């Protein structure tokens, strides 16, 4: 199993060293978009993880830093912290995991600040040379640290901005193909908007409607050597809504949907001659593109290009939008039952799974759990679990005030 991890790491590294390889499409026209540091897109918390990874417009909580920084301005509690843990890809490797801690602080009624730290461990691996001799042990890891600010602009709308530092150490400085490797680093920002209206009636039922938009990881490319072509980080657009039916003072039911799209270039189809060899432009020295656009562009150009560069045209562009849908039943704001579904086109990664989970809120903390059921065979995400523990410091203070002193 360790060989699988090593293979994954080396594929990621040699892609950055060699640039874009010639794309050979299968009968299904497989054309998956890949980026560096994909761990930034993993749903870190159990609540959203149980609702099909939908969270851009859900009610705000301590994990809003990941989904939509703008939501924090509408959070009710003064201070909160969330800690999450998820074993990852355990069908392939037994020691990969994602850890996440996030917190916030309200600064009055109309603004809030937040911070988070996520750590992705790829487990212990053994590096070998071309002869198979061991040259060292290493634990590849990646982390990201965020700081964010959220501000209300009126009674129903808020905006937010977060800055992020990203570090990706996949090789520990080991030489590969005669080149010295290094830790990949990047800086990025998230921007978000959030709208909420608690005076909506749907079919005569009092409801709360939320709408959210977030563009995350807008930042510089990453490289793992000094002279390698740099790779895009996963710049992502997330748009979604949630509709909560307030049945009575104890019961509520929420329906959520999110649409996600990577805002990075789609790999083109490169031209080949009759023998199957790539055709090289005699002027530029680059491979000729048969369909699509050149992916080696600046970050801003790549964002705009991502909406129209699929080599298969508009039909392929539509397949680059992933859909998340979730349900949440909440009793007395203490007990939650959740379910969801995530869909990705078969030609863009083929991630399809059902999720489910439970949540329980006690006096000063809450516990959430989620479970993932894969809908495709040999899906490495199958049976993924997430655990989240959230602390409500305002409730803790209130509890201390109520405790009589001797």
Foldseek 3Di string as FASTA:
>chain_A
DLVVLVVVLVVVAVCQAVPDDFDDADPVRFFADDFPPPVLQDDFFQVCQQQQNFDQWPQDDQPCVSRFLQNVLQDDFAKKKKWKKWAALCVVPPDWIKIKIKMKGHDPNFKIKMKMKMKTKPDKHFDADPVRHTDDIDIWMKMKIKIKMKGDDDDFKIKMKMKMKIWTGRDVQDDDPNFTWAIKIKIFMKIKMKGKDQQDADPNFRKIKMWMKMWTGLIFFIHGGDPTQTTGDFGKIKIKMKMKGCPDLFKIKMKIKMKMAGQAATDFRFDADPVRHFDADPPPRHTHGPFFDDRSDGSVVSRVSLQAGYRVGPVVSVLRIKMKIKMWMGGNNFKIKMKIWIAHDPSHPGWTWIKIKIKGDDQFKIKIKMFIDTPDPPDSRHGMMMIMMMGRVVSVVVVVVPDDDD
